[in-house]
Amino acid sequence: MLEKDKLSRIAQQVLGLSHADQMEVLIASSDEHLTRFAANTIHQNVSERDVTVRVRAVFGKKMGVASSNDLSDVALRKLVETAEMVARFQKDNPDFRSLPEPLPVQEISTAFVQATASCTPEERARGAAAICALSWENGLQAAGAFSITARELLVANSLGVLAYHCNTIANIVAVVMGEDSSGYGSAASIDVQTLDPEAVGWVAVDKALRSRSPNGRAHPSSIKPGTYTVILEEDAVADMLTTLGFLGFGALAMQEGRSFMNGHLGDRISGGNITIWDDGHDERGIPMPFDFEGVPKQRVTLIENGIARGVVYDSFTAGREEGKVSTGHSLPAPNTSGPLPLSLFMAPGQATKEQMLASTERGIWVTRFHYTNPVHPVKTVLTGMTRDGTFLIENGQLTRPLKNMRFTESILEAFSRAEMLSSEPRLIVNDWGGTGTCVPAAKINGFRFTGTTEF
């Protein structure tokens, strides 16, 4: 890692080269390590270190952006020249006000865990080997990865903003497969010492064993499409919540009239047991105390007891509305998505997953989704498939494995029918951006399945 002082010197050097009215420098440094395994064997061990400097130049209401991972003096000078040249060729953006002024940022020193940053290939190999051994002992095949990431982010601008943050992420995922079955397990934390690879492996192995053809049947069985009570594990709930955040929890979506929140602030849009917020300071997630403009993150309540409460802003969208300020949710410029909540949380309930299961007369247990895609963003309709552990529930028991099923369901309507939420939320690392979502499992009634597969 480059550390704060070196990143600060680079940022000040870039700002000193500027001829623009305003300039912003965003420096992102990453140190990533990955041990990947398949067929019960470690087959890849890779490491990558990179640093990217992104410059935004402003002339009046014209903006230009350029980026590079070359830190030489010549390259940095060329980078500034490129950003300024791009800006001069742009049209005025009438909604642009200014880059942000400096505000105090609360540091989160505990987001960086040295044990995680220092995790060796041998340690990762031992974790992967524990999963592979469990799989092999049960006649199955394991695939997955054990990854370690250490990141630094520094944002500075010509108005005096200077914000620095570093964090770590450890993530384990495992898919265990048999001839006609599969199972999935995962775990993530900023502290690698809290992860138990063998426990992750056992969860995946157990699901793969439960998914095997029962009682001499040739394959896991089908069930007719229709509406069922479901118990969604945390990975499935996180998929739905992350999609919800992308579709409509940002101010730009509201301002463009494409958010499910439009016209509904203060209205009930979900179940009374559903509370959703974004908080970049909560250490149960992946903390980040400021956004990509260097603005401190605020805790924003999005849905409270089913009532729509608000959306997140960056400096640009805040400038378009009277009396609004940035909540610290900018993405790197330029982007077409606008501000997004990247540290989503859903309030837990009082139940255990065992209690959810015992209370279900007939339903479907879902481990996770894949290939999910929005169908109707304003109605929050999502479609996708179940994967790696789908089971029929009868009289409070998992009675037999099911072939994977396609669902087509409104996320908010499904959350309106959430009968129970688990008491222990879990961190799920998102596929992009090194962000995380902290969610409980959920028992939902009337969940709509529209088709089945042959597998």
Protein backbone atom coordinates (compact mmCIF):
# COMPACT_ATOMS: atom_id res chain seq x y z
CA MET A 1 0.00 0.00 0.00
CA LEU A 2 1.13 3.54 -0.73
CA GLU A 3 -0.10 5.16 2.53
CA LYS A 4 -1.66 8.53 3.13
CA ASP A 5 1.43 10.76 2.92
CA LYS A 6 2.47 9.49 -0.50
CA LEU A 7 -1.05 9.71 -1.88
CA SER A 8 -1.37 13.25 -0.49
CA ARG A 9 1.87 14.31 -2.20
CA ILE A 10 0.61 12.94 -5.52
CA ALA A 11 -2.69 14.78 -5.10
CA GLN A 12 -1.00 18.08 -4.24
CA GLN A 13 1.36 17.67 -7.18
CA VAL A 14 -1.60 17.22 -9.53
CA LEU A 15 -3.49 20.19 -8.07
CA GLY A 16 -0.35 22.31 -8.46
CA LEU A 17 -0.31 21.61 -12.19
CA SER A 18 -3.88 22.79 -12.70
CA HIS A 19 -4.94 25.77 -14.82
CA ALA A 20 -8.65 25.03 -14.32
CA ASP A 21 -11.11 27.06 -12.25
CA GLN A 22 -11.54 24.00 -10.01
CA MET A 23 -9.91 20.58 -9.94
CA GLU A 24 -10.56 17.30 -8.17
CA VAL A 25 -8.12 14.41 -7.72
CA LEU A 26 -9.29 10.91 -6.78
CA ILE A 27 -6.61 8.31 -6.06
CA ALA A 28 -7.59 4.67 -5.55
CA SER A 29 -4.94 2.13 -4.56
CA SER A 30 -5.65 -1.60 -4.25
CA ASP A 31 -3.70 -4.65 -3.15
CA GLU A 32 -5.67 -7.79 -4.08
CA HIS A 33 -4.85 -11.46 -3.55
CA LEU A 34 -6.88 -14.46 -4.67
CA THR A 35 -6.57 -18.20 -4.14
CA ARG A 36 -8.94 -20.06 -6.45
CA PHE A 37 -9.80 -23.76 -6.34
CA ALA A 38 -11.78 -26.19 -8.53
CA ALA A 39 -12.26 -29.97 -8.64
CA ASN A 40 -11.05 -30.08 -5.01
CA THR A 41 -7.68 -28.65 -6.02
CA ILE A 42 -6.10 -25.21 -5.73
CA HIS A 43 -5.31 -24.18 -9.29
CA GLN A 44 -4.63 -20.46 -9.17
CA ASN A 45 -2.95 -18.01 -6.85
CA VAL A 46 -2.76 -14.43 -8.08
CA SER A 47 -1.91 -11.01 -6.71
CA GLU A 48 -2.44 -7.58 -8.23
CA ARG A 49 -1.37 -4.16 -7.05
CA ASP A 50 -2.62 -1.07 -8.80
CA VAL A 51 -3.20 2.62 -8.30
CA THR A 52 -5.43 4.86 -10.39
CA VAL A 53 -5.38 8.64 -10.47
CA ARG A 54 -8.58 10.25 -11.76
CA VAL A 55 -8.63 14.00 -12.43
CA ARG A 56 -11.72 16.17 -12.91
CA ALA A 57 -11.10 19.65 -14.33
CA VAL A 58 -13.74 22.40 -14.21
CA PHE A 59 -13.89 25.57 -16.31
CA GLY A 60 -17.05 27.45 -15.40
CA LYS A 61 -19.75 24.86 -16.03
CA LYS A 62 -17.63 22.65 -18.28
CA MET A 63 -16.06 19.48 -16.88
CA GLY A 64 -13.55 16.96 -18.18
CA VAL A 65 -12.23 13.75 -16.64
CA ALA A 66 -9.10 11.72 -17.35
CA SER A 67 -7.46 8.82 -15.51
CA SER A 68 -4.18 6.91 -15.49
CA ASN A 69 -2.20 4.44 -13.40
CA ASP A 70 1.15 5.95 -14.35
CA LEU A 71 2.52 8.00 -11.41
CA SER A 72 5.53 9.50 -13.16
CA ASP A 73 5.87 13.29 -13.27
CA VAL A 74 5.47 13.33 -17.05
CA ALA A 75 2.35 11.15 -16.92
CA LEU A 76 0.71 13.24 -14.19
CA ARG A 77 1.32 16.43 -16.16
CA LYS A 78 -0.16 14.79 -19.26
CA LEU A 79 -3.13 13.63 -17.19
CA VAL A 80 -3.95 17.17 -16.06
CA GLU A 81 -3.56 18.49 -19.60
CA THR A 82 -5.90 15.81 -20.93
CA ALA A 83 -8.62 16.49 -18.34
CA GLU A 84 -8.41 20.22 -19.04
CA MET A 85 -8.53 19.72 -22.79
CA VAL A 86 -11.59 17.46 -22.48
CA ALA A 87 -13.30 20.05 -20.28
CA ARG A 88 -12.77 22.86 -22.79
CA PHE A 89 -14.53 20.85 -25.51
CA GLN A 90 -17.62 20.14 -23.39
CA LYS A 91 -20.92 21.98 -23.37
CA ASP A 92 -21.92 23.87 -20.26
CA ASN A 93 -23.82 21.83 -17.68
CA PRO A 94 -26.44 24.30 -16.41
CA ASP A 95 -27.11 22.25 -13.25
CA PHE A 96 -23.49 22.24 -12.08
CA ARG A 97 -22.83 24.51 -9.10
CA SER A 98 -19.37 23.72 -7.75
CA LEU A 99 -17.12 20.99 -6.48
CA PRO A 100 -17.75 20.37 -2.76
CA GLU A 101 -16.30 22.56 -0.04
CA PRO A 102 -14.31 20.76 2.71
CA LEU A 103 -16.24 19.26 5.63
CA PRO A 104 -14.92 17.30 8.65
CA VAL A 105 -14.62 13.56 7.98
CA GLN A 106 -14.85 11.03 10.79
CA GLU A 107 -12.05 8.51 10.34
CA ILE A 108 -12.73 4.79 10.78
CA SER A 109 -9.40 3.34 11.84
CA THR A 110 -10.90 -0.09 12.58
CA ALA A 111 -11.86 -0.59 8.91
CA PHE A 112 -8.27 -1.61 8.20
CA VAL A 113 -7.19 -4.86 9.87
CA GLN A 114 -3.50 -5.64 9.54
CA ALA A 115 -4.09 -9.38 9.90
CA THR A 116 -6.26 -9.25 6.81
CA ALA A 117 -3.82 -7.17 4.79
CA SER A 118 -0.98 -9.51 5.81
CA CYS A 119 -2.84 -12.77 5.14
CA THR A 120 -0.36 -15.02 3.32
CA PRO A 121 -0.87 -17.39 0.37
CA GLU A 122 -0.22 -20.25 2.80
CA GLU A 123 -3.07 -19.10 5.06
CA ARG A 124 -5.43 -18.81 2.13
CA ALA A 125 -4.30 -22.21 0.88
CA ARG A 126 -5.06 -23.80 4.24
CA GLY A 127 -8.56 -22.32 4.14
CA ALA A 128 -9.17 -23.55 0.60
CA ALA A 129 -7.73 -26.96 1.47
CA ALA A 130 -10.15 -27.35 4.38
CA ILE A 131 -13.09 -26.81 2.02
CA CYS A 132 -11.68 -29.16 -0.63
CA ALA A 133 -11.03 -31.88 1.96
CA LEU A 134 -14.63 -31.79 3.20
CA SER A 135 -15.86 -31.98 -0.37
CA TRP A 136 -13.57 -34.87 -1.31
CA GLU A 137 -14.48 -36.86 1.80
CA ASN A 138 -18.13 -36.72 0.76
CA GLY A 139 -17.59 -37.64 -2.88
CA LEU A 140 -18.23 -34.10 -4.14
CA GLN A 141 -16.30 -31.47 -6.07
CA ALA A 142 -15.59 -28.02 -4.65
CA ALA A 143 -14.86 -24.79 -6.49
CA GLY A 144 -14.52 -21.27 -5.20
CA ALA A 145 -12.12 -18.62 -4.00
CA PHE A 146 -10.53 -17.11 -0.91
CA SER A 147 -9.80 -13.44 -1.56
CA ILE A 148 -8.08 -10.67 0.37
CA THR A 149 -8.29 -6.98 -0.54
CA ALA A 150 -6.66 -3.92 0.99
CA ARG A 151 -7.74 -0.58 -0.46
CA GLU A 152 -6.87 3.07 -0.06
CA LEU A 153 -8.89 6.04 -1.29
CA LEU A 154 -7.86 9.68 -1.24
CA VAL A 155 -9.94 12.58 -2.55
CA ALA A 156 -8.62 16.14 -2.78
CA ASN A 157 -9.78 19.24 -4.59
CA SER A 158 -8.70 22.82 -5.16
CA LEU A 159 -11.26 24.09 -2.64
CA GLY A 160 -9.47 22.36 0.23
CA VAL A 161 -11.06 18.90 0.42
CA LEU A 162 -8.60 16.24 1.59
CA ALA A 163 -10.08 12.91 2.69
CA TYR A 164 -8.29 9.58 3.13
CA HIS A 165 -9.57 6.10 4.01
CA CYS A 166 -8.15 2.57 3.97
CA ASN A 167 -9.94 -0.71 4.54
CA THR A 168 -9.63 -4.45 4.18
CA ILE A 169 -12.01 -7.17 3.01
CA ALA A 170 -11.69 -10.95 3.34
CA ASN A 171 -14.17 -13.06 1.37
CA ILE A 172 -14.67 -16.79 0.96
CA VAL A 173 -17.10 -18.38 -1.50
CA ALA A 174 -17.55 -22.10 -2.18
CA VAL A 175 -19.75 -24.04 -4.59
CA VAL A 176 -19.79 -27.80 -3.99
CA MET A 177 -21.26 -30.06 -6.68
CA GLY A 178 -22.33 -33.66 -7.11
CA GLU A 179 -23.66 -35.44 -10.16
CA ASP A 180 -27.13 -33.96 -9.71
CA SER A 181 -26.71 -31.53 -6.83
CA SER A 182 -24.95 -28.40 -5.66
CA GLY A 183 -24.51 -26.32 -2.54
CA TYR A 184 -23.19 -22.88 -1.70
CA GLY A 185 -21.49 -21.24 1.25
CA SER A 186 -19.88 -17.84 1.80
CA ALA A 187 -18.47 -15.59 4.50
CA ALA A 188 -17.03 -12.09 4.50
CA SER A 189 -15.47 -9.72 7.03
CA ILE A 190 -13.03 -6.85 7.32
CA ASP A 191 -11.11 -9.15 9.72
CA VAL A 192 -9.94 -12.44 8.22
CA GLN A 193 -9.43 -13.85 11.71
CA THR A 194 -13.20 -14.03 12.21
CA LEU A 195 -13.72 -16.29 9.18
CA ASP A 196 -13.97 -20.07 9.42
CA PRO A 197 -13.28 -21.64 5.99
CA GLU A 198 -14.19 -25.12 7.23
CA ALA A 199 -17.60 -23.87 8.38
CA VAL A 200 -18.16 -22.29 4.94
CA GLY A 201 -17.22 -25.59 3.34
CA TRP A 202 -19.54 -27.57 5.56
CA VAL A 203 -22.52 -25.34 4.71
CA ALA A 204 -21.88 -25.91 0.99
CA VAL A 205 -21.27 -29.65 1.41
CA ASP A 206 -24.41 -30.09 3.50
CA LYS A 207 -26.54 -28.42 0.85
CA ALA A 208 -24.98 -30.50 -1.91
CA LEU A 209 -25.67 -33.70 0.07
CA ARG A 210 -29.26 -32.65 0.80
CA SER A 211 -29.73 -31.85 -2.91
CA ARG A 212 -28.84 -35.35 -4.04
CA SER A 213 -31.53 -37.53 -5.63
CA PRO A 214 -33.63 -38.86 -2.74
CA ASN A 215 -35.25 -42.27 -2.38
CA GLY A 216 -33.97 -43.58 -5.69
CA ARG A 217 -35.45 -40.78 -7.78
CA ALA A 218 -33.53 -40.13 -10.97
CA HIS A 219 -33.28 -36.39 -10.38
CA PRO A 220 -34.37 -33.67 -7.98
CA SER A 221 -38.06 -33.17 -8.62
CA SER A 222 -40.03 -30.34 -10.14
CA ILE A 223 -42.85 -28.37 -8.61
CA LYS A 224 -45.51 -26.49 -10.52
CA PRO A 225 -44.99 -22.75 -11.01
CA GLY A 226 -47.13 -20.61 -8.73
CA THR A 227 -47.04 -18.61 -5.52
CA TYR A 228 -45.35 -20.16 -2.50
CA THR A 229 -44.13 -19.22 0.92
CA VAL A 230 -40.35 -18.95 0.67
CA ILE A 231 -37.50 -18.79 3.11
CA LEU A 232 -34.80 -16.72 1.44
CA GLU A 233 -31.31 -17.00 2.86
CA GLU A 234 -29.23 -13.85 3.24
CA ASP A 235 -27.57 -14.07 -0.19
CA ALA A 236 -30.97 -13.97 -1.91
CA VAL A 237 -32.22 -11.08 0.23
CA ALA A 238 -28.99 -9.15 -0.45
CA ASP A 239 -29.49 -9.62 -4.20
CA MET A 240 -32.96 -8.09 -3.96
CA LEU A 241 -31.88 -5.22 -1.71
CA THR A 242 -28.86 -4.32 -3.84
CA THR A 243 -31.10 -4.22 -6.92
CA LEU A 244 -33.57 -2.02 -5.06
CA GLY A 245 -30.77 0.42 -4.22
CA PHE A 246 -29.67 0.61 -7.83
CA LEU A 247 -33.21 1.06 -9.17
CA GLY A 248 -34.52 3.86 -7.03
CA PHE A 249 -32.78 4.88 -3.81
CA GLY A 250 -30.71 7.56 -5.58
CA ALA A 251 -31.74 11.19 -6.11
CA LEU A 252 -31.04 11.14 -9.86
CA ALA A 253 -33.58 8.34 -10.36
CA MET A 254 -36.10 10.45 -8.43
CA GLN A 255 -35.33 13.59 -10.41
CA GLU A 256 -35.69 11.73 -13.71
CA GLY A 257 -39.01 10.20 -12.65
CA ARG A 258 -37.84 6.58 -12.86
CA SER A 259 -37.74 5.71 -9.17
CA PHE A 260 -40.33 3.69 -7.25
CA MET A 261 -40.00 6.44 -4.61
CA ASN A 262 -41.47 9.13 -6.92
CA GLY A 263 -44.62 10.56 -5.36
CA HIS A 264 -44.46 8.14 -2.44
CA LEU A 265 -42.27 9.82 0.18
CA GLY A 266 -44.17 9.46 3.43
CA ASP A 267 -46.31 6.63 2.04
CA ARG A 268 -46.23 2.95 2.99
CA ILE A 269 -44.48 1.09 0.19
CA SER A 270 -43.47 -2.10 2.02
CA GLY A 271 -44.16 -4.21 5.09
CA GLY A 272 -44.21 -2.64 8.54
CA ASN A 273 -41.29 -4.82 9.61
CA ILE A 274 -39.07 -3.52 6.80
CA THR A 275 -36.54 -0.80 7.65
CA ILE A 276 -33.71 -0.08 5.21
CA TRP A 277 -30.92 2.44 5.53
CA ASP A 278 -27.46 3.29 4.21
CA ASP A 279 -24.60 3.91 6.65
CA GLY A 280 -20.98 4.08 5.56
CA HIS A 281 -19.81 4.23 9.19
CA ASP A 282 -21.41 0.97 10.38
CA GLU A 283 -18.61 -1.57 10.90
CA ARG A 284 -20.95 -4.52 10.39
CA GLY A 285 -20.69 -3.66 6.70
CA ILE A 286 -17.69 -2.47 4.71
CA PRO A 287 -17.12 1.03 6.14
CA MET A 288 -16.37 4.05 3.97
CA PRO A 289 -16.67 7.43 5.72
CA PHE A 290 -16.86 9.66 2.63
CA ASP A 291 -17.85 9.44 -1.01
CA PHE A 292 -15.86 9.82 -4.23
CA GLU A 293 -16.10 13.61 -3.96
CA GLY A 294 -14.69 13.60 -0.42
CA VAL A 295 -18.06 14.48 1.16
CA PRO A 296 -18.73 12.81 4.56
CA LYS A 297 -21.32 10.06 4.38
CA GLN A 298 -24.55 10.56 6.29
CA ARG A 299 -26.72 7.77 7.62
CA VAL A 300 -29.80 7.92 5.38
CA THR A 301 -33.02 6.16 6.29
CA LEU A 302 -34.59 5.01 3.04
CA ILE A 303 -37.57 2.98 4.28
CA GLU A 304 -38.69 3.09 7.93
CA ASN A 305 -41.23 0.52 9.11
CA GLY A 306 -42.45 0.26 5.53
CA ILE A 307 -42.68 4.05 4.98
CA ALA A 308 -40.64 5.68 2.19
CA ARG A 309 -38.41 8.27 3.87
CA GLY A 310 -35.73 9.51 1.49
CA VAL A 311 -33.02 8.96 -1.09
CA VAL A 312 -29.28 9.61 -1.23
CA TYR A 313 -27.66 12.66 -2.87
CA ASP A 314 -24.34 13.73 -4.31
CA SER A 315 -23.32 17.38 -4.77
CA PHE A 316 -24.70 17.53 -8.32
CA THR A 317 -28.20 16.19 -7.55
CA ALA A 318 -28.36 18.22 -4.32
CA GLY A 319 -27.65 21.36 -6.36
CA ARG A 320 -30.69 20.69 -8.53
CA GLU A 321 -33.12 20.88 -5.58
CA GLU A 322 -33.75 23.77 -3.23
CA GLY A 323 -32.53 23.15 0.31
CA LYS A 324 -30.81 19.82 -0.39
CA VAL A 325 -27.21 18.94 0.47
CA SER A 326 -25.07 15.99 -0.53
CA THR A 327 -25.48 12.98 1.76
CA GLY A 328 -22.07 11.69 0.68
CA HIS A 329 -23.10 9.18 -1.96
CA SER A 330 -21.31 10.30 -5.11
CA LEU A 331 -19.78 7.78 -7.50
CA PRO A 332 -16.56 8.56 -9.40
CA ALA A 333 -17.11 11.14 -12.13
CA PRO A 334 -18.29 10.87 -14.79
CA ASN A 335 -21.18 8.46 -14.28
CA THR A 336 -24.74 8.15 -15.54
CA SER A 337 -26.13 6.41 -12.44
CA GLY A 338 -26.03 9.36 -10.08
CA PRO A 339 -25.61 8.82 -6.33
CA LEU A 340 -26.11 5.29 -5.02
CA PRO A 341 -26.32 3.69 -1.56
CA LEU A 342 -23.28 1.42 -1.31
CA SER A 343 -23.59 0.46 2.38
CA LEU A 344 -27.12 -0.90 2.63
CA PHE A 345 -28.60 -2.44 5.77
CA MET A 346 -31.92 -4.09 6.51
CA ALA A 347 -33.15 -4.25 10.09
CA PRO A 348 -33.28 -7.80 11.50
CA GLY A 349 -36.26 -9.48 13.11
CA GLN A 350 -36.62 -11.82 16.08
CA ALA A 351 -36.60 -15.29 14.52
CA THR A 352 -33.97 -17.89 13.78
CA LYS A 353 -33.95 -19.65 10.43
CA GLU A 354 -34.85 -22.83 12.29
CA GLN A 355 -37.98 -21.12 13.65
CA MET A 356 -38.87 -19.88 10.18
CA LEU A 357 -38.60 -23.42 8.88
CA ALA A 358 -40.59 -24.95 11.72
CA SER A 359 -43.42 -22.43 11.18
CA THR A 360 -43.80 -23.22 7.46
CA GLU A 361 -46.42 -25.81 6.52
CA ARG A 362 -45.53 -25.82 2.83
CA GLY A 363 -43.02 -23.70 0.97
CA ILE A 364 -39.66 -23.45 -0.74
CA TRP A 365 -36.22 -22.88 0.78
CA VAL A 366 -33.93 -20.75 -1.42
CA THR A 367 -30.18 -20.54 -0.87
CA ARG A 368 -29.43 -17.81 -3.41
CA PHE A 369 -30.38 -16.31 -6.77
CA HIS A 370 -28.45 -15.83 -10.00
CA TYR A 371 -28.98 -14.15 -13.38
CA THR A 372 -31.26 -11.60 -11.74
CA ASN A 373 -32.45 -8.72 -13.94
CA PRO A 374 -34.97 -5.90 -13.49
CA VAL A 375 -38.16 -6.24 -15.53
CA HIS A 376 -40.03 -3.10 -14.43
CA PRO A 377 -37.87 -0.66 -12.39
CA VAL A 378 -40.73 1.55 -11.14
CA LYS A 379 -42.69 -1.49 -9.96
CA THR A 380 -39.40 -3.09 -8.74
CA VAL A 381 -40.17 -6.29 -10.64
CA LEU A 382 -37.16 -8.61 -10.69
CA THR A 383 -36.64 -11.93 -12.44
CA GLY A 384 -33.98 -14.57 -11.88
CA MET A 385 -33.23 -18.17 -10.96
CA THR A 386 -32.69 -20.11 -7.77
CA ARG A 387 -29.34 -21.85 -7.39
CA ASP A 388 -27.21 -24.16 -5.24
CA GLY A 389 -29.79 -25.45 -2.82
CA THR A 390 -33.54 -25.22 -3.48
CA PHE A 391 -35.73 -27.42 -1.29
CA LEU A 392 -39.39 -28.21 -0.72
CA ILE A 393 -40.63 -27.46 2.80
CA GLU A 394 -43.41 -29.64 4.19
CA ASN A 395 -44.67 -29.51 7.76
CA GLY A 396 -41.66 -27.56 8.98
CA GLN A 397 -39.06 -29.84 7.38
CA LEU A 398 -36.89 -29.83 4.25
CA THR A 399 -38.34 -32.92 2.56
CA ARG A 400 -36.78 -33.05 -0.89
CA PRO A 401 -34.58 -31.09 -3.31
CA LEU A 402 -36.18 -29.19 -6.16
CA LYS A 403 -34.99 -28.34 -9.61
CA ASN A 404 -33.99 -24.71 -9.96
CA MET A 405 -36.89 -22.35 -10.53
CA ARG A 406 -37.43 -18.99 -12.22
CA PHE A 407 -39.11 -16.24 -10.23
CA THR A 408 -40.68 -12.98 -11.40
CA GLU A 409 -41.61 -10.84 -8.43
CA SER A 410 -41.85 -7.24 -7.26
CA ILE A 411 -39.21 -6.68 -4.59
CA LEU A 412 -41.28 -4.18 -2.63
CA GLU A 413 -44.41 -6.31 -2.84
CA ALA A 414 -42.43 -9.32 -1.66
CA PHE A 415 -41.05 -7.31 1.26
CA SER A 416 -44.67 -6.29 2.03
CA ARG A 417 -45.41 -9.97 2.57
CA ALA A 418 -42.39 -10.66 4.79
CA GLU A 419 -43.79 -12.63 7.70
CA MET A 420 -40.51 -13.17 9.56
CA LEU A 421 -36.95 -11.83 9.48
CA SER A 422 -33.97 -13.52 11.07
CA SER A 423 -32.33 -12.01 14.14
CA GLU A 424 -28.74 -12.32 12.89
CA PRO A 425 -27.97 -10.25 9.75
CA ARG A 426 -25.00 -11.27 7.64
CA LEU A 427 -22.55 -9.32 5.46
CA ILE A 428 -22.73 -10.22 1.77
CA VAL A 429 -20.02 -8.79 -0.50
CA ASN A 430 -21.43 -7.41 -3.74
CA ASP A 431 -20.04 -8.57 -7.07
CA TRP A 432 -18.83 -5.09 -8.01
CA GLY A 433 -16.98 -2.32 -6.29
CA GLY A 434 -15.90 -4.05 -3.09
CA THR A 435 -19.12 -2.97 -1.38
CA GLY A 436 -21.29 -4.96 1.00
CA THR A 437 -24.90 -5.40 2.05
CA CYS A 438 -25.88 -6.49 5.58
CA VAL A 439 -29.21 -8.32 5.67
CA PRO A 440 -31.23 -10.94 7.55
CA ALA A 441 -32.86 -14.00 6.05
CA ALA A 442 -36.58 -13.60 5.30
CA LYS A 443 -39.74 -15.69 5.27
CA ILE A 444 -42.01 -14.25 2.58
CA ASN A 445 -45.51 -15.36 1.67
CA GLY A 446 -46.94 -15.49 -1.85
CA PHE A 447 -43.62 -15.40 -3.68
CA ARG A 448 -44.21 -15.85 -7.42
CA PHE A 449 -42.40 -18.59 -9.37
CA THR A 450 -42.99 -18.56 -13.12
CA GLY A 451 -41.07 -21.60 -14.35
CA THR A 452 -38.77 -24.53 -13.63
CA THR A 453 -35.62 -25.91 -15.23
CA GLU A 454 -34.38 -29.36 -16.06
CA PHE A 455 -31.55 -29.03 -13.56
